[in-house]
Amino acid sequence: MVSIYKSQSFPTTGYGYVYNLKPELAAKVKEAFFTFNWEGTALQKEFKSAEPPQEKFIPITFKDTWAVVRQIDDAMGVSYTCK
């Protein structure tokens, strides 16, 4: 197989919460993700071979982390609409 383009890495999955969630509950949701123990889980098995290997949930932003995805979409003329 021949590659003609290799983008920077980006997350293949993202989790979030609704923007108007009470701040106390939002903080608990974040804490649950960032303290989750991956040891022995399907997540550990799936993401240990990622590049770079992942061992925990990390904070991401649509603006920064997925900028490359939006650039690729723009170059390919892809657009998304909400229904």
Protein backbone atom coordinates (compact mmCIF):
# COMPACT_ATOMS: atom_id res chain seq x y z
CA MET A 1 0.00 0.00 0.00
CA VAL A 2 1.27 3.48 -0.86
CA SER A 3 0.33 6.50 1.24
CA ILE A 4 -0.10 9.80 -0.54
CA TYR A 5 -0.89 11.80 2.60
CA LYS A 6 -0.51 11.29 6.32
CA SER A 7 -2.30 13.70 8.62
CA GLN A 8 -1.35 14.45 12.17
CA SER A 9 -2.91 12.10 14.72
CA PHE A 10 -6.33 12.88 16.15
CA PRO A 11 -8.70 11.13 18.55
CA THR A 12 -10.99 8.55 16.98
CA THR A 13 -13.52 8.87 19.78
CA GLY A 14 -14.69 11.70 21.98
CA TYR A 15 -16.98 11.92 24.98
CA GLY A 16 -18.63 15.04 26.29
CA TYR A 17 -21.51 16.46 28.22
CA VAL A 18 -24.23 18.97 27.43
CA TYR A 19 -23.17 22.62 27.67
CA ASN A 20 -25.79 23.55 30.28
CA LEU A 21 -25.05 20.75 32.75
CA LYS A 22 -24.79 22.04 36.31
CA PRO A 23 -21.11 22.83 36.99
CA GLU A 24 -20.98 20.49 40.01
CA LEU A 25 -22.20 17.57 37.91
CA ALA A 26 -19.91 18.48 35.00
CA ALA A 27 -16.96 18.39 37.41
CA LYS A 28 -18.00 14.92 38.59
CA VAL A 29 -18.29 13.67 35.00
CA LYS A 30 -14.78 14.96 34.23
CA GLU A 31 -13.40 13.41 37.40
CA ALA A 32 -14.97 10.05 36.54
CA PHE A 33 -13.30 10.01 33.12
CA PHE A 34 -9.90 11.32 34.20
CA THR A 35 -9.60 8.93 37.17
CA PHE A 36 -10.98 5.85 35.38
CA ASN A 37 -8.61 2.88 35.77
CA TRP A 38 -8.03 1.27 32.36
CA GLU A 39 -6.15 -1.72 33.80
CA GLY A 40 -7.62 -4.95 32.42
CA THR A 41 -10.36 -3.23 30.40
CA ALA A 42 -11.30 -3.45 26.75
CA LEU A 43 -10.17 0.20 26.46
CA GLN A 44 -6.66 -0.75 27.50
CA LYS A 45 -6.61 -3.58 24.97
CA GLU A 46 -7.96 -1.39 22.16
CA PHE A 47 -5.78 1.68 22.68
CA LYS A 48 -2.44 0.16 23.71
CA SER A 49 -1.54 -0.17 20.04
CA ALA A 50 -2.59 3.40 19.20
CA GLU A 51 0.08 5.82 18.03
CA PRO A 52 1.00 7.10 20.55
CA PRO A 53 -0.31 4.42 22.96
CA GLN A 54 -3.10 5.68 25.21
CA GLU A 55 -3.44 4.65 28.84
CA LYS A 56 -6.06 7.10 30.05
CA PHE A 57 -8.70 9.56 28.93
CA ILE A 58 -7.28 12.96 28.00
CA PRO A 59 -9.00 16.33 27.63
CA ILE A 60 -9.59 17.41 24.04
CA THR A 61 -11.27 20.31 22.30
CA PHE A 62 -13.14 20.41 19.02
CA LYS A 63 -11.38 23.65 18.11
CA ASP A 64 -7.81 22.46 18.64
CA THR A 65 -7.70 18.67 18.70
CA TRP A 66 -9.95 18.08 15.68
CA ALA A 67 -8.74 21.01 13.58
CA VAL A 68 -7.04 18.59 11.19
CA VAL A 69 -10.31 16.71 10.68
CA ARG A 70 -12.09 19.93 9.75
CA GLN A 71 -9.24 20.83 7.36
CA ILE A 72 -9.55 17.46 5.62
CA ASP A 73 -13.35 17.84 5.45
CA ASP A 74 -12.94 21.30 3.92
CA ALA A 75 -10.46 20.04 1.34
CA MET A 76 -12.84 17.24 0.37
CA GLY A 77 -15.95 19.44 0.35
CA VAL A 78 -17.58 17.55 3.23
CA SER A 79 -20.19 19.35 5.32
CA TYR A 80 -22.43 18.24 8.14
CA THR A 81 -25.92 19.43 9.01
CA CYS A 82 -28.02 18.96 12.13
CA LYS A 83 -31.60 17.81 11.77
